[in-house]
Structures are given as C-alpha cells and as structure tokens.
Amino acid sequence: MPPSNRPIHARPQAMRNFRNEMRSATMSELTMPVAASPGRLDEAIAAFSRAIGPEHVHTDDATLAEFSDPYSPSSWDDYRPPVVLQPATVEEIQAIVRIANEYTVSLWTNSQGRNNAYGGSSPRMPGTVVVNLRRMNRVLEVNDELGYVVVEPGVSFNDLYAYVREHGHDVWIDVPDLGWGSVLGNTMDHGFGYTRYGDHAAAQCGMEVVLANGELLRTGLGALGAGDGWHVSKRGFGPSADGIFMQSNFGIVTKIGLWVMRRPDFYIYGFITVPQPDDIAALVEALRPLLLDGTIPNQPEVFNDFAALAEGAKKADVWPNPGRVPAEVLDGFRKKSGAGAWNLRFALYGREEIVDVNLAAVRSAIAHIPGSTVNGQKLRGDDREAIEALGQPGQVQAGVPSMSFLSVMDWVGAKKPGHVCLSSIAPLRGADVLKIRDIVRDACAEYGYDYGTGITLSPRHLTHISTLFYDAEDPVAVRSAYDFCREVIVKAREAGFAEYRAHIDFMDHVADQFDWNNHALLRFNETLKDALDPNGILAPGKSGIWPKRLRVK
C-alpha cells in the first residue's frame, strides 16, 4: 500500500508496543538514536562541543535527569536524553542543526523545558539529543506605543514581568498559572493566559525560525527586510507560515513578537460561585453572550470544589483514608470556605464607568442561578502593589506571574509527586460542558481518581483541563494515569471533543483521533515534514509527526 494511503490508525498501537519493549531494555540500548551508531553520536558530540563550547554540552547524570520527564519514574530511561545542548545564539543553533544533519542525529528543542505535566523537557524518542534554549534569554523589545513585546526562547514570564517593571513600561503582559515557563515556548505549544490577550498563539505576530537545513527564516513582514512593521501585522504577502511552526517539528523558533495589552485605568477582579454541580451548564450559557460581545474581555477560568480544596492542601490532612475524597468532605469544605461547586474568576478592564457597568451586566446575567454569588474588587491599573497582593487568581488576570499554583503538588504527599493533564476542547455550550465533565468524572470514578478540573472559557469554546495526581516513583500509579488518559482521549473523541496538547506518551494516540478522510491532516503534515526536514532530524514524533526514515509502516 502506498505510504499516502496506508492505514495510519495502526501507528499508535505500534508505538505503544515499541515503548513497552523499550522499558525492558537497558540504558545503553535506549540512548542511541535509531539512525546513529554510538560512534556517530560520539563524533556528533565532539562537533557540538567545538560549535558551542564543551561547557554547554552536558552528558552528566544530574543534567540528563533534569531534562527528562520529571513526573515519571527515575527508572524509566526511555525519557532520558543522551546529551543536552545549551546554545546561546542563533548562529550556534544553525551550527547544531548542520551537525545533526551530517551525523543523522535527532534533536528535541525546548525553551525553558518546564512543560512538566506533558513530559517536561523529555524527547518523544529515546536517544534524541535535547537542545535547551534557556541561555537565549533576552527581551529584545517592549513597545508601549503599539503594544507588543519581542522575546527569545529563554525568557520566562517571570523574566518578562521583571523587565517590564524595571524599565517602567505601560503594558500588561499575559501569563499562565505558573510564571517559570517560557513565553515563546508556551506560545508555540498553544498555551494561554488570562488577560484580553490570553490566547497566546492568536497574539503572536512575527517569528524567526532556523529551518532543518540551517537556513534562517522570518515570517510575515519580517521577510520584508525593511521598516519596523514586523510585529504589528500578521499578514505579509502570500501564505502565512507562522502557524506551521507551532506544535510541530518543522523548525526551531528563535524569537517571536507577541501582542500585549496597554495598562488599563481600572481592573476589576471578579469572582463567581454557583452551588450545584450541574450549575456549570447555566453558568456557561449565561456568560457566553458576555464573552462574545466583549463585556468580559479576558479568558475566565472556572474550577470545581475539589480543585479548590486540593490547592495548598495535603490529602492526608483532608482525608487520611484510602480512596477518593467523599462527597460529604467536599460538602463540608464548601460550607466552611464559602466555595461553590464551581468557582469562576474573571476580569474587567477600562475606564471606571465602563468596568462598573460591565460588572452590573455580569451580576444581571448570573442572577437567575439559585444561590449564585458575584463579587468584584476594583483596583487602579497603576496600583501594582495592590494587584500583587491579590493572590494568584487575581494576579494572573493582571499579568502578574506567580508560582503559588505549584502548591497543588503537595496533595499527593509523595517524595516525588507527579501529575499529568488532559486538555480537551469543546464548544462553549452548557450541554457540551456537562458532556465532557461526565466523560472525565465517570472515568475518574472508575479508576479511583478525584475529579479535579479547571475550565478556561473563550468566546466560542472551552478547554477542560483535568489533572491526575500520583507518586511519580510508582510505576504502577504512573501507568494507571497513562491508561486513564488513553481511554478518555478516545471517549472524548467519540463525543466530538479533542485534546489541544498532549503528553509525549500520548502524542501518536491524540494525532490518531484526527482521522477525517483517512488522516488527511496527518498526511499533509508528513508531506511538509519530508519537504522541510528530509533527514528527519527535528523532534521526531512531535505531535505525532514522524519523519520518513522513522515512520511506522
């Protein structure tokens, strides 16, 4: 059967069998790329050392462990790279790519490498060399007049916020729940935050990319080679290339422009609670018109009672017995804390009279839900001290990064706690939010997990992110979480829902769900891969896209 017409749906099972075989292999069997002998890899490492300096070529156990999956057992060597490279310039990346082509060595690039719930820095395929870009950490521009920033891959949200404050800029950046991640890396993986520019992929404008052959590309108006409009208009001339470098393995992105909001006159930190589990449907229906017409300009997040309980708590203190937290314990938590079955944070920005009117509109929209509450705390946009004192839910909607959300890791009480996330997209309708909730909640009951979720609302869709906690040194517990994810991915797809990002172990499985017209989209991506990276050196297996030399037949 020709490659373009083969039954691609067989690939995920083949890859699962491949991984199961690898877990019984020795370390020496796992650290060589498929297409490189040990001698060739040694030659490549010597060439990498000459190109970027031996002090930036790491083969020690501590560094290799740091750039492996932090939430899998230490004994699972298939998540460990053989070497980590840390270049500091575009020219060094170009040199690395050319060396990789010469020796047919696979590269897996990350920025900060802290996408921990999805595999962290770990490559998809054993033996792949990790290229970490933390040393490329310059904020290249903050433009108050036009409202954009330009950053290199190693700039974290914490770094960018500190830079904006230190230099007295009038913009608010957009941040996710944790501030240590890369601004560029989060954008490339379709990450999001909580201001009016919360959809980071949509806010991106102009990028620079090292292609697989080492050539340098600038997208959009950056290709003009003149003027300063690169980061103000997404459209150049001809096809728009930016999107093909997100969640892909077609190039290494070395800088991006990102739109950010001007500092508003006033900011209202809003909070809504509803008392019943099924009230989430009415809440979604009530808020959708306000999101569509811009009354609520940001991306609100709604989280359930267990998610509220688990943040900063330990299961042993809340429920010291085996199994899931009982309903009566959650009931007691809600009564004591004032939390709802669902709790939603939202933001309003603008002139004082505007935010006051919009808060009244939110109150009116929610009033028909029995037992609901709406609260809003109004602050001046230039009062950073007051905003920074709000706590994480209020901070992130004002572009202030935080690390406090990491306290959820305390829940397990393990020496090495871990978690994995499922991130499902559904239409922003009450019936659909109940449907995806029931799919995940029922699977949690079957597998013995507490159902904890955060749901981010956009004007037309929602992203349901469910989190499973476990002891990361317990292989049985980790495999159970992975089995749960694989099962729910299929059930969600059967209901018409899809994952928007995936742990490295599920990338093929998620890609397989997008099967319309005999996987036409995947075949298109493979065509691009073969054209742009004929030697297949860049991130084999990223998002289920494999180069021709490694494709499962």
Protein backbone atom coordinates (compact mmCIF):
# COMPACT_ATOMS: atom_id res chain seq x y z
CA MET A 1 0.00 0.00 0.00
CA PRO A 2 1.44 3.45 -0.90
CA PRO A 3 2.56 5.48 2.13
CA SER A 4 -0.04 8.18 1.46
CA ASN A 5 -2.88 5.63 1.67
CA ARG A 6 -1.68 3.30 4.41
CA PRO A 7 -3.94 2.67 7.45
CA ILE A 8 -2.30 5.20 9.75
CA HIS A 9 -4.56 4.25 12.64
CA ALA A 10 -2.27 1.28 13.31
CA ARG A 11 0.63 3.54 14.26
CA PRO A 12 -0.24 4.39 17.90
CA GLN A 13 -0.53 0.71 18.82
CA ALA A 14 2.80 0.04 17.16
CA MET A 15 4.39 2.88 19.10
CA ARG A 16 2.88 1.64 22.37
CA ASN A 17 4.34 -1.81 21.71
CA PHE A 18 7.67 -0.13 20.89
CA ARG A 19 7.65 1.73 24.21
CA ASN A 20 6.71 -1.36 26.21
CA GLU A 21 9.66 -3.18 24.66
CA MET A 22 11.96 -0.25 25.44
CA ARG A 23 11.03 -0.21 29.12
CA SER A 24 12.55 -3.67 29.50
CA ALA A 25 15.74 -2.62 27.70
CA THR A 26 18.99 -1.45 29.21
CA MET A 27 20.11 2.17 29.29
CA SER A 28 22.74 1.56 26.62
CA GLU A 29 20.04 0.24 24.29
CA LEU A 30 17.89 3.31 24.82
CA THR A 31 20.25 6.23 24.42
CA MET A 32 21.29 5.77 20.78
CA PRO A 33 19.20 7.44 18.07
CA VAL A 34 17.60 4.98 15.70
CA ALA A 35 19.71 6.16 12.78
CA ALA A 36 23.02 6.80 14.57
CA SER A 37 25.57 4.33 15.82
CA PRO A 38 27.34 5.04 19.14
CA GLY A 39 30.42 6.09 17.22
CA ARG A 40 28.47 8.56 15.09
CA LEU A 41 26.85 10.06 18.18
CA ASP A 42 30.28 10.42 19.81
CA GLU A 43 31.52 12.22 16.70
CA ALA A 44 28.48 14.49 16.74
CA ILE A 45 29.02 15.34 20.43
CA ALA A 46 32.61 16.30 19.66
CA ALA A 47 31.39 18.54 16.84
CA PHE A 48 28.71 20.09 19.09
CA SER A 49 31.43 20.85 21.66
CA ARG A 50 33.50 22.67 19.06
CA ALA A 51 30.46 24.64 17.90
CA ILE A 52 29.06 25.89 21.22
CA GLY A 53 31.81 25.13 23.74
CA PRO A 54 32.22 21.92 25.76
CA GLU A 55 30.87 23.62 28.90
CA HIS A 56 27.47 23.84 27.18
CA VAL A 57 27.37 20.18 26.11
CA HIS A 58 26.08 18.16 29.06
CA THR A 59 26.29 14.40 29.49
CA ASP A 60 26.38 14.20 33.30
CA ASP A 61 23.66 12.26 35.09
CA ALA A 62 22.31 15.25 37.02
CA THR A 63 21.69 17.32 33.90
CA LEU A 64 20.25 14.41 31.94
CA ALA A 65 17.86 13.75 34.83
CA GLU A 66 16.85 17.43 34.91
CA PHE A 67 15.92 17.31 31.24
CA SER A 68 13.96 14.06 31.49
CA ASP A 69 10.25 13.75 32.26
CA PRO A 70 10.07 14.97 35.89
CA TYR A 71 6.80 13.18 36.58
CA SER A 72 7.76 9.65 35.54
CA PRO A 73 9.77 7.06 37.49
CA SER A 74 13.52 7.63 37.55
CA SER A 75 13.94 4.06 36.31
CA TRP A 76 12.18 4.82 33.01
CA ASP A 77 15.26 5.58 30.95
CA ASP A 78 13.31 5.97 27.71
CA TYR A 79 12.59 9.54 28.80
CA ARG A 80 16.27 10.40 29.30
CA PRO A 81 18.30 12.10 26.53
CA PRO A 82 21.93 11.07 25.90
CA VAL A 83 23.14 14.68 25.83
CA VAL A 84 21.79 18.20 26.44
CA LEU A 85 22.98 21.16 24.36
CA GLN A 86 22.52 24.77 25.50
CA PRO A 87 23.34 27.22 22.71
CA ALA A 88 23.27 30.98 23.27
CA THR A 89 22.85 32.39 19.75
CA VAL A 90 21.01 31.81 16.51
CA GLU A 91 24.33 31.04 14.85
CA GLU A 92 25.02 28.29 17.38
CA ILE A 93 21.60 26.75 16.68
CA GLN A 94 22.38 26.82 12.97
CA ALA A 95 25.66 25.03 13.63
CA ILE A 96 23.89 22.39 15.77
CA VAL A 97 21.34 21.73 13.04
CA ARG A 98 24.01 21.32 10.37
CA ILE A 99 25.98 18.91 12.55
CA ALA A 100 22.81 16.91 13.26
CA ASN A 101 22.22 16.59 9.52
CA GLU A 102 25.78 15.45 8.94
CA TYR A 103 25.60 12.69 11.55
CA THR A 104 21.84 11.95 11.30
CA VAL A 105 21.31 12.76 14.97
CA SER A 106 17.80 13.66 16.14
CA LEU A 107 17.21 16.90 18.08
CA TRP A 108 14.39 17.78 20.51
CA THR A 109 14.21 21.51 21.20
CA ASN A 110 12.65 23.20 24.21
CA SER A 111 12.81 26.73 25.57
CA GLN A 112 12.69 26.64 29.37
CA GLY A 113 11.71 22.96 29.30
CA ARG A 114 9.11 23.22 32.06
CA ASN A 115 6.03 21.83 30.33
CA ASN A 116 6.03 19.28 33.12
CA ALA A 117 2.50 17.87 33.00
CA TYR A 118 3.12 16.95 29.35
CA GLY A 119 6.58 15.39 29.65
CA GLY A 120 8.79 18.34 30.58
CA SER A 121 11.99 18.53 28.52
CA SER A 122 11.94 14.86 27.62
CA PRO A 123 12.11 13.91 23.94
CA ARG A 124 9.46 11.74 22.35
CA MET A 125 12.01 9.18 21.11
CA PRO A 126 14.84 7.62 23.13
CA GLY A 127 18.30 8.69 22.05
CA THR A 128 17.20 12.13 20.88
CA VAL A 129 19.54 14.99 21.78
CA VAL A 130 17.85 17.76 23.77
CA VAL A 131 18.54 21.34 22.65
CA ASN A 132 17.59 23.65 25.52
CA LEU A 133 17.40 27.38 24.84
CA ARG A 134 17.47 28.86 28.37
CA ARG A 135 20.67 30.76 27.58
CA MET A 136 18.88 32.70 24.83
CA ASN A 137 17.16 34.89 27.40
CA ARG A 138 17.00 38.42 26.01
CA VAL A 139 13.93 40.65 25.98
CA LEU A 140 14.57 42.30 22.62
CA GLU A 141 11.83 44.93 22.64
CA VAL A 142 8.87 46.20 24.64
CA ASN A 143 6.81 48.65 22.60
CA ASP A 144 4.38 50.69 24.71
CA GLU A 145 3.10 52.70 21.76
CA LEU A 146 1.93 49.72 19.70
CA GLY A 147 1.52 47.17 22.49
CA TYR A 148 3.87 44.29 21.73
CA VAL A 149 6.97 42.55 23.04
CA VAL A 150 9.74 40.62 21.28
CA VAL A 151 11.50 37.82 23.16
CA GLU A 152 13.97 34.99 22.74
CA PRO A 153 13.07 31.42 23.81
CA GLY A 154 14.76 31.54 27.22
CA VAL A 155 12.70 34.48 28.52
CA SER A 156 10.26 33.26 31.17
CA PHE A 157 7.07 35.03 32.17
CA ASN A 158 8.82 35.93 35.43
CA ASP A 159 11.70 37.43 33.44
CA LEU A 160 9.45 39.45 31.15
CA TYR A 161 7.37 40.82 34.02
CA ALA A 162 10.52 41.86 35.90
CA TYR A 163 11.87 43.56 32.77
CA VAL A 164 8.63 45.48 32.17
CA ARG A 165 8.54 46.68 35.78
CA GLU A 166 12.23 47.55 35.93
CA HIS A 167 12.06 49.66 32.79
CA GLY A 168 8.78 51.37 33.66
CA HIS A 169 6.73 50.17 30.70
CA ASP A 170 2.97 50.78 30.48
CA VAL A 171 1.96 47.34 29.19
CA TRP A 172 0.49 44.33 30.96
CA ILE A 173 1.91 41.05 29.78
CA ASP A 174 -0.19 37.89 29.69
CA VAL A 175 0.76 34.96 31.93
CA PRO A 176 -0.38 31.37 32.55
CA ASP A 177 -0.84 29.89 36.02
CA LEU A 178 2.91 29.34 36.56
CA GLY A 179 5.45 32.04 35.77
CA TRP A 180 8.57 29.93 35.26
CA GLY A 181 7.74 28.77 31.74
CA SER A 182 8.99 30.29 28.50
CA VAL A 183 6.88 32.98 26.86
CA LEU A 184 7.89 31.68 23.44
CA GLY A 185 7.64 28.01 24.36
CA ASN A 186 4.17 28.41 25.84
CA THR A 187 3.01 30.21 22.71
CA MET A 188 4.44 27.55 20.40
CA ASP A 189 2.51 24.86 22.30
CA HIS A 190 -0.80 26.80 22.08
CA GLY A 191 -0.65 27.79 25.74
CA PHE A 192 -2.80 30.52 27.20
CA GLY A 193 -3.21 33.05 29.98
CA TYR A 194 -5.96 35.19 31.39
CA THR A 195 -5.92 38.79 30.10
CA ARG A 196 -7.57 40.06 26.92
CA TYR A 197 -4.60 38.56 25.03
CA GLY A 198 -4.90 35.20 26.76
CA ASP A 199 -4.81 33.17 23.54
CA HIS A 200 -1.05 33.33 23.06
CA ALA A 201 -1.00 31.69 19.63
CA ALA A 202 -3.53 34.27 18.41
CA ALA A 203 -1.49 37.10 19.97
CA GLN A 204 1.74 36.00 18.28
CA CYS A 205 2.88 38.25 15.42
CA GLY A 206 6.09 37.59 13.52
CA MET A 207 8.69 34.93 14.23
CA GLU A 208 12.22 33.97 13.31
CA VAL A 209 12.94 30.30 12.60
CA VAL A 210 16.01 28.16 11.98
CA LEU A 211 14.96 25.58 9.40
CA ALA A 212 16.18 22.00 9.35
CA ASN A 213 18.87 22.83 6.78
CA GLY A 214 20.22 25.65 8.96
CA GLU A 215 18.70 28.46 6.92
CA LEU A 216 17.13 31.41 8.77
CA LEU A 217 13.52 32.42 8.01
CA ARG A 218 11.48 35.42 9.12
CA THR A 219 7.71 35.29 8.72
CA GLY A 220 5.18 37.97 7.80
CA LEU A 221 6.53 41.49 7.42
CA GLY A 222 9.84 40.29 8.83
CA ALA A 223 10.55 38.94 5.35
CA LEU A 224 10.46 42.50 4.00
CA GLY A 225 13.93 43.26 5.30
CA ALA A 226 12.99 46.91 5.84
CA GLY A 227 10.80 49.02 8.10
CA ASP A 228 9.57 48.23 11.60
CA GLY A 229 6.17 46.63 10.93
CA TRP A 230 7.20 43.04 11.65
CA HIS A 231 5.22 42.73 14.88
CA VAL A 232 2.18 44.89 14.15
CA SER A 233 0.56 42.96 11.28
CA LYS A 234 0.21 39.20 10.99
CA ARG A 235 -0.21 39.34 7.24
CA GLY A 236 2.67 39.69 4.86
CA PHE A 237 2.41 38.60 1.25
CA GLY A 238 1.41 35.10 0.25
CA PRO A 239 0.72 32.22 2.66
CA SER A 240 1.08 32.87 6.39
CA ALA A 241 3.76 30.49 7.66
CA ASP A 242 3.69 31.17 11.42
CA GLY A 243 1.12 28.53 12.32
CA ILE A 244 3.01 25.60 10.82
CA PHE A 245 5.82 26.08 13.35
CA MET A 246 3.50 25.74 16.37
CA GLN A 247 3.21 22.26 17.92
CA SER A 248 5.30 20.97 15.04
CA ASN A 249 8.80 19.80 14.18
CA PHE A 250 9.41 21.87 11.07
CA GLY A 251 11.91 24.37 12.52
CA ILE A 252 13.41 25.89 15.66
CA VAL A 253 11.81 29.23 16.57
CA THR A 254 14.39 31.69 17.89
CA LYS A 255 12.29 34.80 18.53
CA ILE A 256 8.67 35.93 18.40
CA GLY A 257 6.62 39.07 18.66
CA LEU A 258 3.62 38.92 20.97
CA TRP A 259 0.81 41.43 21.37
CA VAL A 260 0.11 42.62 24.93
CA MET A 261 -2.47 44.98 26.43
CA ARG A 262 -1.89 48.55 27.49
CA ARG A 263 -2.23 49.16 31.22
CA PRO A 264 -5.93 49.87 31.90
CA ASP A 265 -7.22 52.70 34.05
CA PHE A 266 -9.09 50.23 36.25
CA TYR A 267 -9.14 46.48 36.79
CA ILE A 268 -11.93 44.54 38.47
CA TYR A 269 -11.00 41.13 39.82
CA GLY A 270 -14.30 39.29 39.60
CA PHE A 271 -15.33 36.02 41.22
CA ILE A 272 -18.48 33.93 40.77
CA THR A 273 -19.67 30.87 42.68
CA VAL A 274 -22.56 28.52 41.92
CA PRO A 275 -23.69 25.89 44.45
CA GLN A 276 -24.70 22.82 42.43
CA PRO A 277 -22.56 20.53 40.23
CA ASP A 278 -24.92 20.91 37.25
CA ASP A 279 -24.93 24.72 37.56
CA ILE A 280 -21.86 24.78 35.33
CA ALA A 281 -24.20 24.47 32.32
CA ALA A 282 -26.28 27.51 33.29
CA LEU A 283 -23.10 29.44 34.10
CA VAL A 284 -21.64 28.77 30.65
CA GLU A 285 -24.89 29.74 28.93
CA ALA A 286 -25.09 32.97 30.95
CA LEU A 287 -21.51 34.05 30.26
CA ARG A 288 -21.22 33.15 26.57
CA PRO A 289 -23.04 36.30 25.32
CA LEU A 290 -20.83 38.45 27.56
CA LEU A 291 -17.71 36.82 26.15
CA LEU A 292 -18.91 37.15 22.57
CA ASP A 293 -19.77 40.86 22.87
CA GLY A 294 -16.64 41.72 24.87
CA THR A 295 -18.34 42.64 28.14
CA ILE A 296 -15.97 40.11 29.71
CA PRO A 297 -12.77 40.72 27.71
CA ASN A 298 -10.46 38.12 29.23
CA GLN A 299 -10.37 34.32 29.38
CA PRO A 300 -12.10 33.38 32.65
CA GLU A 301 -11.32 30.13 34.42
CA VAL A 302 -13.82 28.05 36.36
CA PHE A 303 -12.69 25.29 38.71
CA ASN A 304 -14.62 22.77 40.75
CA ASP A 305 -14.69 22.25 44.51
CA PHE A 306 -12.06 19.51 44.55
CA ALA A 307 -9.62 21.71 42.63
CA ALA A 308 -10.21 24.47 45.17
CA LEU A 309 -9.71 22.04 48.05
CA ALA A 310 -6.52 20.46 46.69
CA GLU A 311 -4.60 23.70 46.15
CA GLY A 312 -2.20 24.04 49.06
CA ALA A 313 -3.63 21.05 50.96
CA LYS A 314 -2.43 17.51 51.63
CA LYS A 315 -4.75 14.58 51.14
CA ALA A 316 -3.54 13.02 54.38
CA ASP A 317 -4.81 16.06 56.28
CA VAL A 318 -8.14 16.24 54.44
CA TRP A 319 -8.95 12.55 54.07
CA PRO A 320 -6.36 10.17 55.59
CA ASN A 321 -8.12 7.05 54.31
CA PRO A 322 -7.50 5.23 51.02
CA GLY A 323 -9.58 6.13 48.00
CA ARG A 324 -11.28 9.26 46.78
CA VAL A 325 -12.36 12.19 48.92
CA PRO A 326 -16.02 11.52 49.85
CA ALA A 327 -18.83 13.87 48.86
CA GLU A 328 -19.53 14.76 52.49
CA VAL A 329 -15.95 16.02 52.93
CA LEU A 330 -16.35 18.24 49.86
CA ASP A 331 -19.69 19.46 51.22
CA GLY A 332 -18.02 20.40 54.49
CA PHE A 333 -15.23 22.22 52.65
CA ARG A 334 -17.73 24.28 50.66
CA LYS A 335 -19.68 25.27 53.77
CA LYS A 336 -16.56 26.20 55.71
CA SER A 337 -14.74 28.07 52.93
CA GLY A 338 -17.62 29.64 51.04
CA ALA A 339 -16.53 27.91 47.84
CA GLY A 340 -19.10 26.76 45.33
CA ALA A 341 -19.44 23.52 43.45
CA TRP A 342 -17.97 25.69 40.67
CA ASN A 343 -15.90 28.84 41.15
CA LEU A 344 -15.07 31.26 38.35
CA ARG A 345 -12.60 34.12 38.17
CA PHE A 346 -12.98 36.83 35.54
CA ALA A 347 -11.58 40.27 34.77
CA LEU A 348 -12.89 43.62 33.62
CA TYR A 349 -10.63 46.38 32.29
CA GLY A 350 -11.04 50.01 31.25
CA ARG A 351 -12.32 53.37 32.42
CA GLU A 352 -14.06 53.33 35.78
CA GLU A 353 -17.53 53.95 34.42
CA ILE A 354 -17.07 51.13 31.88
CA VAL A 355 -15.95 48.47 34.36
CA ASP A 356 -18.78 49.44 36.74
CA VAL A 357 -21.39 48.99 34.01
CA ASN A 358 -19.86 45.70 32.90
CA LEU A 359 -19.82 44.32 36.44
CA ALA A 360 -23.52 45.15 36.72
CA ALA A 361 -24.10 43.26 33.46
CA VAL A 362 -22.34 40.19 34.86
CA ARG A 363 -24.44 40.32 38.04
CA SER A 364 -27.62 40.56 35.98
CA ALA A 365 -26.61 37.64 33.73
CA ILE A 366 -25.95 35.33 36.70
CA ALA A 367 -28.86 36.37 38.92
CA HIS A 368 -31.23 33.61 37.72
CA ILE A 369 -28.95 30.82 39.04
CA PRO A 370 -30.20 29.99 42.57
CA GLY A 371 -27.56 30.51 45.24
CA SER A 372 -25.03 32.11 42.90
CA THR A 373 -22.74 34.91 44.06
CA VAL A 374 -20.86 37.58 42.11
CA ASN A 375 -18.14 39.69 43.72
CA GLY A 376 -15.79 42.24 42.24
CA GLN A 377 -12.77 44.04 43.67
CA LYS A 378 -11.90 47.25 41.82
CA LEU A 379 -8.30 48.46 41.65
CA ARG A 380 -6.46 51.16 39.76
CA GLY A 381 -4.42 49.75 36.90
CA ASP A 382 -1.29 51.56 38.07
CA ASP A 383 -1.51 50.23 41.65
CA ARG A 384 0.84 47.30 41.15
CA GLU A 385 1.39 46.76 44.88
CA ALA A 386 -2.33 46.25 45.47
CA ILE A 387 -2.61 43.97 42.45
CA GLU A 388 0.39 41.89 43.51
CA ALA A 389 -1.26 41.45 46.92
CA LEU A 390 -4.39 39.86 45.41
CA GLY A 391 -3.12 36.30 45.37
CA GLN A 392 -2.66 34.09 42.33
CA PRO A 393 -6.21 34.14 40.86
CA GLY A 394 -6.31 37.93 40.80
CA GLN A 395 -2.67 38.38 39.86
CA VAL A 396 -2.63 36.31 36.68
CA GLN A 397 -5.59 38.23 35.22
CA ALA A 398 -3.48 41.37 35.62
CA GLY A 399 -0.38 39.89 34.00
CA VAL A 400 1.46 39.25 37.27
CA PRO A 401 3.21 35.85 37.23
CA SER A 402 3.09 33.56 40.23
CA MET A 403 4.49 30.23 41.35
CA SER A 404 1.99 29.56 44.14
CA PHE A 405 -0.07 27.18 42.00
CA LEU A 406 2.71 24.61 42.43
CA SER A 407 1.28 24.01 45.90
CA VAL A 408 -1.15 21.54 44.29
CA MET A 409 1.79 19.13 44.13
CA ASP A 410 1.63 18.81 47.92
CA TRP A 411 -1.68 16.95 47.64
CA VAL A 412 -0.13 13.53 47.00
CA GLY A 413 2.29 13.69 49.90
CA ALA A 414 4.95 11.79 47.92
CA LYS A 415 8.67 12.49 47.92
CA LYS A 416 8.45 12.83 44.14
CA PRO A 417 4.90 13.92 43.33
CA GLY A 418 3.72 13.97 39.75
CA HIS A 419 0.69 14.74 37.66
CA VAL A 420 -0.50 14.51 34.09
CA CYS A 421 -3.11 16.69 32.40
CA LEU A 422 -5.78 16.01 29.81
CA SER A 423 -6.75 19.16 27.91
CA SER A 424 -9.99 18.76 25.98
CA ILE A 425 -11.63 21.35 23.73
CA ALA A 426 -15.42 21.56 23.44
CA PRO A 427 -17.92 24.13 22.16
CA LEU A 428 -18.91 26.77 24.72
CA ARG A 429 -22.37 25.38 25.37
CA GLY A 430 -23.99 24.12 28.54
CA ALA A 431 -24.79 20.69 27.10
CA ASP A 432 -21.21 20.22 25.94
CA VAL A 433 -19.61 21.21 29.24
CA LEU A 434 -21.81 18.65 31.01
CA LYS A 435 -20.89 16.03 28.44
CA ILE A 436 -17.11 16.43 28.78
CA ARG A 437 -17.46 16.73 32.55
CA ASP A 438 -19.36 13.45 32.72
CA ILE A 439 -16.86 11.64 30.49
CA VAL A 440 -13.92 12.64 32.69
CA ARG A 441 -15.76 12.43 36.02
CA ASP A 442 -17.06 8.92 35.28
CA ALA A 443 -13.60 7.75 34.24
CA CYS A 444 -12.17 9.21 37.45
CA ALA A 445 -14.68 7.19 39.47
CA GLU A 446 -13.78 4.03 37.53
CA TYR A 447 -10.02 4.49 38.04
CA GLY A 448 -10.23 5.79 41.61
CA TYR A 449 -9.15 9.39 40.97
CA ASP A 450 -10.66 12.51 42.47
CA TYR A 451 -12.26 14.65 39.78
CA GLY A 452 -10.41 17.95 39.75
CA THR A 453 -10.63 20.31 36.82
CA GLY A 454 -10.12 23.85 35.62
CA ILE A 455 -12.10 25.02 32.59
CA THR A 456 -10.93 28.04 30.62
CA LEU A 457 -13.62 29.90 28.71
CA SER A 458 -13.12 31.56 25.35
CA PRO A 459 -15.93 33.25 23.40
CA ARG A 460 -16.73 30.12 21.37
CA HIS A 461 -15.03 27.18 23.03
CA LEU A 462 -13.92 25.88 26.40
CA THR A 463 -10.80 23.99 27.41
CA HIS A 464 -11.46 21.36 30.06
CA ILE A 465 -8.15 20.55 31.82
CA SER A 466 -8.32 17.63 34.21
CA THR A 467 -5.35 16.76 36.43
CA LEU A 468 -4.39 13.37 37.83
CA PHE A 469 -2.01 13.31 40.80
CA TYR A 470 0.24 10.36 41.65
CA ASP A 471 3.52 9.23 43.19
CA ALA A 472 5.92 9.67 40.26
CA GLU A 473 8.25 6.94 41.54
CA ASP A 474 5.45 4.35 41.50
CA PRO A 475 5.41 2.77 38.01
CA VAL A 476 2.01 1.17 38.62
CA ALA A 477 0.49 4.53 39.57
CA VAL A 478 2.02 6.28 36.57
CA ARG A 479 0.90 3.59 34.13
CA SER A 480 -2.61 3.78 35.58
CA ALA A 481 -2.71 7.53 34.94
CA TYR A 482 -1.48 6.98 31.38
CA ASP A 483 -4.09 4.26 30.78
CA PHE A 484 -6.76 6.63 32.07
CA CYS A 485 -5.64 9.32 29.65
CA ARG A 486 -5.60 7.00 26.64
CA GLU A 487 -9.09 5.77 27.43
CA VAL A 488 -10.55 9.24 27.98
CA ILE A 489 -8.92 10.58 24.81
CA VAL A 490 -10.92 8.03 22.80
CA LYS A 491 -14.16 8.61 24.71
CA ALA A 492 -13.83 12.37 24.26
CA ARG A 493 -13.19 11.95 20.55
CA GLU A 494 -16.28 9.73 20.23
CA ALA A 495 -18.27 12.62 21.72
CA GLY A 496 -16.70 15.05 19.24
CA PHE A 497 -14.09 16.59 21.56
CA ALA A 498 -10.33 16.80 21.01
CA GLU A 499 -7.16 17.32 23.02
CA TYR A 500 -5.34 20.55 22.24
CA ARG A 501 -1.98 19.35 23.59
CA ALA A 502 -0.65 16.04 24.81
CA HIS A 503 1.95 14.36 26.98
CA ILE A 504 4.76 12.91 24.88
CA ASP A 505 3.49 9.39 25.58
CA PHE A 506 0.09 10.16 24.01
CA MET A 507 1.09 12.27 21.01
CA ASP A 508 0.55 9.50 18.47
CA HIS A 509 -2.66 8.49 20.18
CA VAL A 510 -4.07 12.03 20.03
CA ALA A 511 -2.93 12.53 16.43
CA ASP A 512 -4.71 9.29 15.52
CA GLN A 513 -8.05 10.74 16.65
CA PHE A 514 -7.89 13.36 13.88
CA ASP A 515 -8.80 10.76 11.28
CA TRP A 516 -11.09 12.55 8.83
CA ASN A 517 -10.51 11.48 5.21
CA ASN A 518 -8.02 8.76 6.15
CA HIS A 519 -5.95 11.09 8.33
CA ALA A 520 -5.60 13.73 5.61
CA LEU A 521 -4.26 16.29 8.09
CA LEU A 522 -1.53 13.98 9.36
CA ARG A 523 -0.56 13.03 5.82
CA PHE A 524 -0.36 16.73 4.95
CA ASN A 525 1.89 17.33 7.98
CA GLU A 526 4.10 14.41 6.95
CA THR A 527 4.41 15.90 3.47
CA LEU A 528 5.57 19.18 4.98
CA LYS A 529 7.94 17.30 7.28
CA ASP A 530 9.56 15.42 4.42
CA ALA A 531 9.96 18.60 2.38
CA LEU A 532 11.33 20.83 5.15
CA ASP A 533 13.33 18.20 7.06
CA PRO A 534 14.28 15.42 4.61
CA ASN A 535 16.79 13.88 7.03
CA GLY A 536 14.21 13.86 9.82
CA ILE A 537 16.44 15.41 12.48
CA LEU A 538 14.00 17.79 14.20
CA ALA A 539 11.87 16.43 17.07
CA PRO A 540 10.82 13.04 15.67
CA GLY A 541 7.31 12.18 16.83
CA LYS A 542 6.34 15.68 17.96
CA SER A 543 2.53 15.92 17.73
CA GLY A 544 2.51 12.50 16.06
CA ILE A 545 4.56 13.73 13.09
CA TRP A 546 7.35 11.28 12.23
CA PRO A 547 9.99 11.69 9.52
CA LYS A 548 10.01 9.24 6.66
CA ARG A 549 13.04 7.34 7.97
CA LEU A 550 11.30 6.56 11.28
CA ARG A 551 7.70 6.19 10.18
CA VAL A 552 5.96 3.01 11.31
CA LYS A 553 4.87 1.13 8.22
